Amino acid sequence: MAQVAVSPAVYAARRFVGRALVWVVLGAGALLMMVPFLWLISCSLKDVSQLWVFPPIWIPNPVQWGNYPRALTVLPFARYTLNTLTITIPVLVGTVLTASMGGYGFAKIEFPGRELFFMLFLATMMLPGIVTMIPVFILFSKLGWVNTFKPLIIPPICGGGAFNVFLFRQFFRTIPEELSSAARIDGCSEFGIYRRIILPLSRPALTTVAIFTFLATWNDFMGPLIYLNADARKTIALGLAGFQGLYNTEWELLMAASAAMTIPVVIVFFLAQRYFVEGIVMTGLKGM
């Protein structure tokens, strides 16, 4: 059967319609994902009497800008922020360092049983945290680490987590082995190859792991809830629970504090989103 020739104008029109449909679908999906965040911002600027109105009011009238200073001063959020940064920064730096070292070892260094050890290491991801919660708490209690930041800082930086090591390992396998071989011929040590060749080429993977680690540590609620008892050591996630009382919850202040808590997360993601997407894509180019 003879093929019907398509004119350039028809082809361009079809292509435009197809791209327009894709943009419409993606835009609708993005808007749908933003609805909870927009509702959070709206509630944070409302008076308490407007929170339960039906149908819902999206644009507050009048706008209660005073909710933000009240929310951030009624509880010691400056102390909570400092505590959160005290935990987040060491965990971020330590996790990226140790996980990248582990990923380099599994990706670039040949040793007996490497694949078996790697599979066993990945198998730890299948063990639910709830199963080890009590034994780990007993261990840290015996060490005298309860009500300190040590249980929240030291374990994450000692290995970096199986997922982060896996991500680095997959990314490092996309880097040509010829670069490492040439460096070994020139007398470079394994650590020198890792530091001078691999890391400079791994900015997307480093950024991806850094974002994941920052999000997980900044938003962590269960860990601080278990190990931190003193009010002076609480993190932001625990501080937000202070707005919820037994008989009353100050929802407008809770929403304002929650919105303020998400600002650093949004800023970090938008500044590093290009490397984040690139890192996720690149880690899937090589099989296990």
C-alpha atoms as a PDB file:
ATOM      1  CA  MET A   1       0.000   0.000   0.000  1.00  0.00           C
ATOM      2  CA  ALA A   2       1.429   3.333  -1.049  1.00  0.00           C
ATOM      3  CA  GLN A   3       2.295   5.770   1.704  1.00  0.00           C
ATOM      4  CA  VAL A   4       0.554   9.140   1.703  1.00  0.00           C
ATOM      5  CA  ALA A   5       2.999  12.033   1.743  1.00  0.00           C
ATOM      6  CA  VAL A   6       2.512  14.501   4.584  1.00  0.00           C
ATOM      7  CA  SER A   7       3.148  18.132   3.835  1.00  0.00           C
ATOM      8  CA  PRO A   8       5.563  20.066   6.073  1.00  0.00           C
ATOM      9  CA  ALA A   9       2.736  22.312   7.259  1.00  0.00           C
ATOM     10  CA  VAL A  10       0.603  19.340   8.395  1.00  0.00           C
ATOM     11  CA  TYR A  11       3.619  17.728  10.078  1.00  0.00           C
ATOM     12  CA  ALA A  12       4.442  20.966  11.925  1.00  0.00           C
ATOM     13  CA  ALA A  13       0.794  21.350  12.997  1.00  0.00           C
ATOM     14  CA  ARG A  14       0.677  17.791  14.348  1.00  0.00           C
ATOM     15  CA  ARG A  15       3.927  18.311  16.196  1.00  0.00           C
ATOM     16  CA  PHE A  16       2.674  21.565  17.711  1.00  0.00           C
ATOM     17  CA  VAL A  17      -0.574  19.950  18.869  1.00  0.00           C
ATOM     18  CA  GLY A  18       1.316  17.010  20.377  1.00  0.00           C
ATOM     19  CA  ARG A  19       3.710  19.258  22.271  1.00  0.00           C
ATOM     20  CA  ALA A  20       0.824  21.457  23.422  1.00  0.00           C
ATOM     21  CA  LEU A  21      -1.026  18.436  24.807  1.00  0.00           C
ATOM     22  CA  VAL A  22       2.104  17.326  26.670  1.00  0.00           C
ATOM     23  CA  TRP A  23       2.535  20.775  28.201  1.00  0.00           C
ATOM     24  CA  VAL A  24      -1.130  20.929  29.204  1.00  0.00           C
ATOM     25  CA  VAL A  25      -0.963  17.523  30.900  1.00  0.00           C
ATOM     26  CA  LEU A  26       2.310  18.370  32.681  1.00  0.00           C
ATOM     27  CA  GLY A  27       1.004  21.774  33.729  1.00  0.00           C
ATOM     28  CA  ALA A  28      -2.186  20.254  35.129  1.00  0.00           C
ATOM     29  CA  GLY A  29      -0.173  17.658  37.025  1.00  0.00           C
ATOM     30  CA  ALA A  30       2.176  20.304  38.429  1.00  0.00           C
ATOM     31  CA  LEU A  31      -0.757  22.443  39.520  1.00  0.00           C
ATOM     32  CA  LEU A  32      -2.394  19.451  41.181  1.00  0.00           C
ATOM     33  CA  MET A  33       0.818  18.708  43.086  1.00  0.00           C
ATOM     34  CA  MET A  34       1.023  22.352  44.216  1.00  0.00           C
ATOM     35  CA  VAL A  35      -2.499  22.465  45.661  1.00  0.00           C
ATOM     36  CA  PRO A  36      -1.495  21.247  49.175  1.00  0.00           C
ATOM     37  CA  PHE A  37       1.359  23.763  49.331  1.00  0.00           C
ATOM     38  CA  LEU A  38      -0.868  26.607  48.142  1.00  0.00           C
ATOM     39  CA  TRP A  39      -3.487  25.636  50.730  1.00  0.00           C
ATOM     40  CA  LEU A  40      -0.757  25.656  53.402  1.00  0.00           C
ATOM     41  CA  ILE A  41       0.229  29.213  52.437  1.00  0.00           C
ATOM     42  CA  SER A  42      -3.413  30.294  52.349  1.00  0.00           C
ATOM     43  CA  CYS A  43      -4.170  28.894  55.812  1.00  0.00           C
ATOM     44  CA  SER A  44      -1.019  30.442  57.240  1.00  0.00           C
ATOM     45  CA  LEU A  45      -2.350  33.911  56.355  1.00  0.00           C
ATOM     46  CA  LYS A  46      -5.885  33.435  57.695  1.00  0.00           C
ATOM     47  CA  ASP A  47      -7.618  34.297  60.904  1.00  0.00           C
ATOM     48  CA  VAL A  48      -8.728  31.254  62.870  1.00  0.00           C
ATOM     49  CA  SER A  49     -12.367  32.037  62.056  1.00  0.00           C
ATOM     50  CA  GLN A  50     -11.685  31.601  58.310  1.00  0.00           C
ATOM     51  CA  LEU A  51     -10.066  28.181  58.573  1.00  0.00           C
ATOM     52  CA  TRP A  52     -13.284  26.164  58.811  1.00  0.00           C
ATOM     53  CA  VAL A  53     -15.471  28.133  56.418  1.00  0.00           C
ATOM     54  CA  PHE A  54     -17.222  26.094  53.716  1.00  0.00           C
ATOM     55  CA  PRO A  55     -16.810  26.511  50.825  1.00  0.00           C
ATOM     56  CA  PRO A  56     -13.114  27.125  51.527  1.00  0.00           C
ATOM     57  CA  ILE A  57     -11.646  30.598  51.172  1.00  0.00           C
ATOM     58  CA  TRP A  58      -8.421  30.513  49.151  1.00  0.00           C
ATOM     59  CA  ILE A  59      -7.569  34.208  49.385  1.00  0.00           C
ATOM     60  CA  PRO A  60      -7.602  35.408  53.017  1.00  0.00           C
ATOM     61  CA  ASN A  61      -9.439  38.620  53.742  1.00  0.00           C
ATOM     62  CA  PRO A  62      -7.886  40.324  55.590  1.00  0.00           C
ATOM     63  CA  VAL A  63      -4.413  38.824  55.232  1.00  0.00           C
ATOM     64  CA  GLN A  64      -2.958  38.021  58.659  1.00  0.00           C
ATOM     65  CA  TRP A  65       0.761  38.695  58.115  1.00  0.00           C
ATOM     66  CA  GLY A  66       1.198  38.708  61.880  1.00  0.00           C
ATOM     67  CA  ASN A  67       0.776  34.926  62.014  1.00  0.00           C
ATOM     68  CA  TYR A  68       4.389  34.428  60.915  1.00  0.00           C
ATOM     69  CA  PRO A  69       6.157  36.504  63.603  1.00  0.00           C
ATOM     70  CA  ARG A  70       3.769  35.077  66.219  1.00  0.00           C
ATOM     71  CA  ALA A  71       4.419  31.508  65.099  1.00  0.00           C
ATOM     72  CA  LEU A  72       8.190  31.957  65.128  1.00  0.00           C
ATOM     73  CA  THR A  73       8.325  33.690  68.512  1.00  0.00           C
ATOM     74  CA  VAL A  74       5.692  31.927  70.612  1.00  0.00           C
ATOM     75  CA  LEU A  75       8.078  28.952  70.662  1.00  0.00           C
ATOM     76  CA  PRO A  76      11.916  29.171  70.601  1.00  0.00           C
ATOM     77  CA  PHE A  77      12.218  28.420  66.887  1.00  0.00           C
ATOM     78  CA  ALA A  78      15.628  30.091  66.720  1.00  0.00           C
ATOM     79  CA  ARG A  79      16.933  27.418  69.098  1.00  0.00           C
ATOM     80  CA  TYR A  80      15.072  24.678  67.193  1.00  0.00           C
ATOM     81  CA  THR A  81      16.581  25.870  63.904  1.00  0.00           C
ATOM     82  CA  LEU A  82      20.076  25.905  65.381  1.00  0.00           C
ATOM     83  CA  ASN A  83      19.576  22.380  66.712  1.00  0.00           C
ATOM     84  CA  THR A  84      18.330  21.196  63.320  1.00  0.00           C
ATOM     85  CA  LEU A  85      21.329  22.721  61.545  1.00  0.00           C
ATOM     86  CA  THR A  86      23.662  21.192  64.145  1.00  0.00           C
ATOM     87  CA  ILE A  87      22.350  17.792  63.102  1.00  0.00           C
ATOM     88  CA  THR A  88      21.806  18.392  59.387  1.00  0.00           C
ATOM     89  CA  ILE A  89      25.192  19.847  58.403  1.00  0.00           C
ATOM     90  CA  PRO A  90      27.423  17.060  59.832  1.00  0.00           C
ATOM     91  CA  VAL A  91      25.050  14.384  58.519  1.00  0.00           C
ATOM     92  CA  LEU A  92      25.027  16.006  55.073  1.00  0.00           C
ATOM     93  CA  VAL A  93      28.805  16.265  54.800  1.00  0.00           C
ATOM     94  CA  GLY A  94      29.503  12.878  56.399  1.00  0.00           C
ATOM     95  CA  THR A  95      26.922  10.984  54.369  1.00  0.00           C
ATOM     96  CA  VAL A  96      28.107  12.365  51.039  1.00  0.00           C
ATOM     97  CA  LEU A  97      31.723  11.555  51.926  1.00  0.00           C
ATOM     98  CA  THR A  98      31.262   8.020  53.251  1.00  0.00           C
ATOM     99  CA  ALA A  99      28.616   6.990  50.723  1.00  0.00           C
ATOM    100  CA  SER A 100      30.758   8.170  47.811  1.00  0.00           C
ATOM    101  CA  MET A 101      33.725   6.227  49.191  1.00  0.00           C
ATOM    102  CA  GLY A 102      31.609   3.098  49.510  1.00  0.00           C
ATOM    103  CA  GLY A 103      30.183   3.549  46.030  1.00  0.00           C
ATOM    104  CA  TYR A 104      33.688   3.995  44.621  1.00  0.00           C
ATOM    105  CA  GLY A 105      34.860   0.790  46.275  1.00  0.00           C
ATOM    106  CA  PHE A 106      31.981  -1.258  44.868  1.00  0.00           C
ATOM    107  CA  ALA A 107      32.221   0.326  41.413  1.00  0.00           C
ATOM    108  CA  LYS A 108      35.939   0.683  40.716  1.00  0.00           C
ATOM    109  CA  ILE A 109      37.932  -1.620  43.007  1.00  0.00           C
ATOM    110  CA  GLU A 110      38.107  -5.340  42.227  1.00  0.00           C
ATOM    111  CA  PHE A 111      38.115  -7.643  45.270  1.00  0.00           C
ATOM    112  CA  PRO A 112      36.864 -11.193  45.919  1.00  0.00           C
ATOM    113  CA  GLY A 113      33.139 -11.393  46.621  1.00  0.00           C
ATOM    114  CA  ARG A 114      32.480  -7.785  45.628  1.00  0.00           C
ATOM    115  CA  GLU A 115      29.108  -8.459  44.009  1.00  0.00           C
ATOM    116  CA  LEU A 116      28.017 -10.743  46.871  1.00  0.00           C
ATOM    117  CA  PHE A 117      28.917  -8.141  49.486  1.00  0.00           C
ATOM    118  CA  PHE A 118      27.123  -5.496  47.477  1.00  0.00           C
ATOM    119  CA  MET A 119      23.945  -7.588  47.264  1.00  0.00           C
ATOM    120  CA  LEU A 120      24.073  -8.265  51.003  1.00  0.00           C
ATOM    121  CA  PHE A 121      24.566  -4.561  51.590  1.00  0.00           C
ATOM    122  CA  LEU A 122      21.538  -3.745  49.460  1.00  0.00           C
ATOM    123  CA  ALA A 123      19.510  -6.361  51.313  1.00  0.00           C
ATOM    124  CA  THR A 124      19.693  -4.187  54.429  1.00  0.00           C
ATOM    125  CA  MET A 125      17.273  -1.807  52.686  1.00  0.00           C
ATOM    126  CA  MET A 126      14.581  -4.478  53.006  1.00  0.00           C
ATOM    127  CA  LEU A 127      14.838  -4.506  56.808  1.00  0.00           C
ATOM    128  CA  PRO A 128      12.155  -2.156  58.224  1.00  0.00           C
ATOM    129  CA  GLY A 129      13.420   0.479  60.609  1.00  0.00           C
ATOM    130  CA  ILE A 130      10.651  -0.360  63.067  1.00  0.00           C
ATOM    131  CA  VAL A 131      12.238  -3.797  63.583  1.00  0.00           C
ATOM    132  CA  THR A 132      15.573  -2.384  64.743  1.00  0.00           C
ATOM    133  CA  MET A 133      14.191   0.635  66.585  1.00  0.00           C
ATOM    134  CA  ILE A 134      14.088  -0.922  70.079  1.00  0.00           C
ATOM    135  CA  PRO A 135      17.455  -2.761  69.918  1.00  0.00           C
ATOM    136  CA  VAL A 136      19.160   0.358  68.575  1.00  0.00           C
ATOM    137  CA  PHE A 137      17.586   2.501  71.299  1.00  0.00           C
ATOM    138  CA  ILE A 138      18.807   0.063  73.962  1.00  0.00           C
ATOM    139  CA  LEU A 139      22.310   0.174  72.475  1.00  0.00           C
ATOM    140  CA  PHE A 140      22.436   3.970  72.436  1.00  0.00           C
ATOM    141  CA  SER A 141      20.954   4.070  75.925  1.00  0.00           C
ATOM    142  CA  LYS A 142      23.777   1.838  77.194  1.00  0.00           C
ATOM    143  CA  LEU A 143      26.272   4.169  75.512  1.00  0.00           C
ATOM    144  CA  GLY A 144      24.725   7.173  77.243  1.00  0.00           C
ATOM    145  CA  TRP A 145      23.751   8.825  73.973  1.00  0.00           C
ATOM    146  CA  VAL A 146      20.071   9.406  74.765  1.00  0.00           C
ATOM    147  CA  ASN A 147      19.134  13.105  74.936  1.00  0.00           C
ATOM    148  CA  THR A 148      22.181  13.976  72.842  1.00  0.00           C
ATOM    149  CA  PHE A 149      22.640  14.588  69.123  1.00  0.00           C
ATOM    150  CA  LYS A 150      25.005  11.601  68.727  1.00  0.00           C
ATOM    151  CA  PRO A 151      22.358   8.985  67.739  1.00  0.00           C
ATOM    152  CA  LEU A 152      21.137  11.347  65.028  1.00  0.00           C
ATOM    153  CA  ILE A 153      24.574  12.252  63.650  1.00  0.00           C
ATOM    154  CA  ILE A 154      27.010   9.357  64.039  1.00  0.00           C
ATOM    155  CA  PRO A 155      25.039   6.423  62.486  1.00  0.00           C
ATOM    156  CA  PRO A 156      24.137   8.238  59.233  1.00  0.00           C
ATOM    157  CA  ILE A 157      27.718   9.342  58.583  1.00  0.00           C
ATOM    158  CA  CYS A 158      29.137   5.849  59.233  1.00  0.00           C
ATOM    159  CA  GLY A 159      28.370   4.336  55.845  1.00  0.00           C
ATOM    160  CA  GLY A 160      25.970   6.842  54.363  1.00  0.00           C
ATOM    161  CA  GLY A 161      23.092   4.410  53.927  1.00  0.00           C
ATOM    162  CA  ALA A 162      22.619   1.592  51.423  1.00  0.00           C
ATOM    163  CA  PHE A 163      20.559   3.659  48.982  1.00  0.00           C
ATOM    164  CA  ASN A 164      23.146   6.432  48.774  1.00  0.00           C
ATOM    165  CA  VAL A 165      25.974   3.935  48.248  1.00  0.00           C
ATOM    166  CA  PHE A 166      23.907   2.248  45.530  1.00  0.00           C
ATOM    167  CA  LEU A 167      23.279   5.568  43.796  1.00  0.00           C
ATOM    168  CA  PHE A 168      26.974   6.481  43.836  1.00  0.00           C
ATOM    169  CA  ARG A 169      27.978   3.019  42.673  1.00  0.00           C
ATOM    170  CA  GLN A 170      25.622   3.183  39.700  1.00  0.00           C
ATOM    171  CA  PHE A 171      26.832   6.656  38.739  1.00  0.00           C
ATOM    172  CA  PHE A 172      30.524   5.770  39.059  1.00  0.00           C
ATOM    173  CA  ARG A 173      30.001   2.832  36.695  1.00  0.00           C
ATOM    174  CA  THR A 174      29.071   5.313  33.958  1.00  0.00           C
ATOM    175  CA  ILE A 175      32.534   6.921  34.197  1.00  0.00           C
ATOM    176  CA  PRO A 176      34.934   5.278  31.701  1.00  0.00           C
ATOM    177  CA  GLU A 177      37.329   2.833  33.343  1.00  0.00           C
ATOM    178  CA  GLU A 178      40.098   4.073  31.047  1.00  0.00           C
ATOM    179  CA  LEU A 179      40.419   7.229  33.164  1.00  0.00           C
ATOM    180  CA  SER A 180      41.146   5.226  36.314  1.00  0.00           C
ATOM    181  CA  SER A 181      43.504   2.856  34.469  1.00  0.00           C
ATOM    182  CA  ALA A 182      45.503   5.757  33.044  1.00  0.00           C
ATOM    183  CA  ALA A 183      45.782   7.305  36.501  1.00  0.00           C
ATOM    184  CA  ARG A 184      47.001   4.008  37.997  1.00  0.00           C
ATOM    185  CA  ILE A 185      49.666   3.743  35.285  1.00  0.00           C
ATOM    186  CA  ASP A 186      50.834   7.244  36.238  1.00  0.00           C
ATOM    187  CA  GLY A 187      51.195   6.090  39.851  1.00  0.00           C
ATOM    188  CA  CYS A 188      48.059   7.623  41.322  1.00  0.00           C
ATOM    189  CA  SER A 189      46.657   5.882  44.399  1.00  0.00           C
ATOM    190  CA  GLU A 190      43.058   4.729  44.664  1.00  0.00           C
ATOM    191  CA  PHE A 191      42.246   7.595  46.985  1.00  0.00           C
ATOM    192  CA  GLY A 192      43.910   9.985  44.542  1.00  0.00           C
ATOM    193  CA  ILE A 193      41.781   8.616  41.692  1.00  0.00           C
ATOM    194  CA  TYR A 194      38.673   8.974  43.839  1.00  0.00           C
ATOM    195  CA  ARG A 195      39.497  12.540  44.889  1.00  0.00           C
ATOM    196  CA  ARG A 196      41.046  13.952  41.723  1.00  0.00           C
ATOM    197  CA  ILE A 197      39.162  12.167  38.943  1.00  0.00           C
ATOM    198  CA  ILE A 198      35.927  10.569  40.127  1.00  0.00           C
ATOM    199  CA  LEU A 199      34.556  13.247  42.455  1.00  0.00           C
ATOM    200  CA  PRO A 200      35.021  16.184  40.025  1.00  0.00           C
ATOM    201  CA  LEU A 201      33.036  14.205  37.422  1.00  0.00           C
ATOM    202  CA  SER A 202      30.267  13.276  39.861  1.00  0.00           C
ATOM    203  CA  ARG A 203      28.607  16.591  40.623  1.00  0.00           C
ATOM    204  CA  PRO A 204      25.102  15.334  39.665  1.00  0.00           C
ATOM    205  CA  ALA A 205      25.365  12.306  41.972  1.00  0.00           C
ATOM    206  CA  LEU A 206      26.835  14.384  44.791  1.00  0.00           C
ATOM    207  CA  THR A 207      24.018  16.911  44.464  1.00  0.00           C
ATOM    208  CA  THR A 208      21.351  14.208  44.372  1.00  0.00           C
ATOM    209  CA  VAL A 209      22.587  12.489  47.522  1.00  0.00           C
ATOM    210  CA  ALA A 210      23.037  15.852  49.241  1.00  0.00           C
ATOM    211  CA  ILE A 211      19.414  16.821  48.486  1.00  0.00           C
ATOM    212  CA  PHE A 212      18.033  13.478  49.647  1.00  0.00           C
ATOM    213  CA  THR A 213      20.098  13.638  52.833  1.00  0.00           C
ATOM    214  CA  PHE A 214      19.138  17.238  53.547  1.00  0.00           C
ATOM    215  CA  LEU A 215      15.434  16.525  53.090  1.00  0.00           C
ATOM    216  CA  ALA A 216      15.498  13.393  55.218  1.00  0.00           C
ATOM    217  CA  THR A 217      17.436  15.029  58.069  1.00  0.00           C
ATOM    218  CA  TRP A 218      15.661  18.393  58.017  1.00  0.00           C
ATOM    219  CA  ASN A 219      12.215  16.752  58.073  1.00  0.00           C
ATOM    220  CA  ASP A 220      13.082  13.903  60.439  1.00  0.00           C
ATOM    221  CA  PHE A 221      10.533  13.606  63.231  1.00  0.00           C
ATOM    222  CA  MET A 222      10.811  10.067  64.572  1.00  0.00           C
ATOM    223  CA  GLY A 223      14.538  10.158  65.372  1.00  0.00           C
ATOM    224  CA  PRO A 224      14.461  13.369  67.464  1.00  0.00           C
ATOM    225  CA  LEU A 225      11.207  12.232  69.084  1.00  0.00           C
ATOM    226  CA  ILE A 226      12.884   9.042  70.338  1.00  0.00           C
ATOM    227  CA  TYR A 227      16.269  10.355  71.418  1.00  0.00           C
ATOM    228  CA  LEU A 228      15.753  14.008  72.411  1.00  0.00           C
ATOM    229  CA  ASN A 229      13.925  14.707  75.673  1.00  0.00           C
ATOM    230  CA  ALA A 230      15.011  18.202  76.717  1.00  0.00           C
ATOM    231  CA  ASP A 231      13.083  21.084  75.195  1.00  0.00           C
ATOM    232  CA  ALA A 232      16.334  22.949  74.538  1.00  0.00           C
ATOM    233  CA  ARG A 233      17.468  20.142  72.196  1.00  0.00           C
ATOM    234  CA  LYS A 234      14.315  19.879  70.098  1.00  0.00           C
ATOM    235  CA  THR A 235      14.454  20.232  66.324  1.00  0.00           C
ATOM    236  CA  ILE A 236      12.048  22.159  64.090  1.00  0.00           C
ATOM    237  CA  ALA A 237       9.988  19.056  63.333  1.00  0.00           C
ATOM    238  CA  LEU A 238       9.446  18.483  67.048  1.00  0.00           C
ATOM    239  CA  GLY A 239       8.814  22.165  67.658  1.00  0.00           C
ATOM    240  CA  LEU A 240       5.868  22.142  65.248  1.00  0.00           C
ATOM    241  CA  ALA A 241       4.151  19.618  67.489  1.00  0.00           C
ATOM    242  CA  GLY A 242       4.146  22.270  70.219  1.00  0.00           C
ATOM    243  CA  PHE A 243       1.200  23.989  68.523  1.00  0.00           C
ATOM    244  CA  GLN A 244      -0.943  20.896  69.035  1.00  0.00           C
ATOM    245  CA  GLY A 245      -2.365  20.781  72.535  1.00  0.00           C
ATOM    246  CA  LEU A 246      -4.604  18.268  74.264  1.00  0.00           C
ATOM    247  CA  TYR A 247      -7.704  20.456  73.970  1.00  0.00           C
ATOM    248  CA  ASN A 248      -6.753  23.069  71.405  1.00  0.00           C
ATOM    249  CA  THR A 249      -4.598  23.391  68.287  1.00  0.00           C
ATOM    250  CA  GLU A 250      -3.484  26.774  66.958  1.00  0.00           C
ATOM    251  CA  TRP A 251      -3.876  25.823  63.330  1.00  0.00           C
ATOM    252  CA  GLU A 252      -3.048  29.216  61.825  1.00  0.00           C
ATOM    253  CA  LEU A 253       0.259  29.353  63.730  1.00  0.00           C
ATOM    254  CA  LEU A 254       1.006  25.715  62.914  1.00  0.00           C
ATOM    255  CA  MET A 255       0.474  26.420  59.215  1.00  0.00           C
ATOM    256  CA  ALA A 256       2.659  29.537  59.355  1.00  0.00           C
ATOM    257  CA  ALA A 257       5.503  27.703  61.105  1.00  0.00           C
ATOM    258  CA  SER A 258       5.169  24.777  58.678  1.00  0.00           C
ATOM    259  CA  ALA A 259       5.366  27.141  55.698  1.00  0.00           C
ATOM    260  CA  ALA A 260       8.473  28.784  57.150  1.00  0.00           C
ATOM    261  CA  MET A 261      10.024  25.348  57.695  1.00  0.00           C
ATOM    262  CA  THR A 262       9.551  24.402  54.031  1.00  0.00           C
ATOM    263  CA  ILE A 263      11.258  27.535  52.664  1.00  0.00           C
ATOM    264  CA  PRO A 264      14.859  26.191  53.006  1.00  0.00           C
ATOM    265  CA  VAL A 265      13.784  22.912  51.389  1.00  0.00           C
ATOM    266  CA  VAL A 266      12.215  24.689  48.419  1.00  0.00           C
ATOM    267  CA  ILE A 267      15.238  26.953  47.972  1.00  0.00           C
ATOM    268  CA  VAL A 268      17.706  24.050  48.058  1.00  0.00           C
ATOM    269  CA  PHE A 269      15.689  22.026  45.564  1.00  0.00           C
ATOM    270  CA  PHE A 270      15.243  24.850  43.040  1.00  0.00           C
ATOM    271  CA  LEU A 271      18.911  25.816  43.196  1.00  0.00           C
ATOM    272  CA  ALA A 272      20.059  22.241  42.571  1.00  0.00           C
ATOM    273  CA  GLN A 273      17.204  20.764  40.524  1.00  0.00           C
ATOM    274  CA  ARG A 274      19.229  20.559  37.287  1.00  0.00           C
ATOM    275  CA  TYR A 275      21.947  18.441  38.895  1.00  0.00           C
ATOM    276  CA  PHE A 276      19.316  16.487  40.832  1.00  0.00           C
ATOM    277  CA  VAL A 277      17.461  15.395  37.682  1.00  0.00           C
ATOM    278  CA  GLU A 278      20.729  14.675  35.863  1.00  0.00           C
ATOM    279  CA  GLY A 279      21.969  12.532  38.743  1.00  0.00           C
ATOM    280  CA  ILE A 280      18.780  10.466  38.846  1.00  0.00           C
ATOM    281  CA  VAL A 281      18.912   9.911  35.073  1.00  0.00           C
ATOM    282  CA  MET A 282      22.619   9.036  34.941  1.00  0.00           C
ATOM    283  CA  THR A 283      22.399   6.415  37.704  1.00  0.00           C
ATOM    284  CA  GLY A 284      20.150   4.276  35.513  1.00  0.00           C
ATOM    285  CA  LEU A 285      22.457   4.135  32.475  1.00  0.00           C
ATOM    286  CA  LYS A 286      24.418   1.103  33.686  1.00  0.00           C
ATOM    287  CA  GLY A 287      22.978  -2.118  34.981  1.00  0.00           C
ATOM    288  CA  MET A 288      23.950  -3.824  38.177  1.00  0.00           C
END
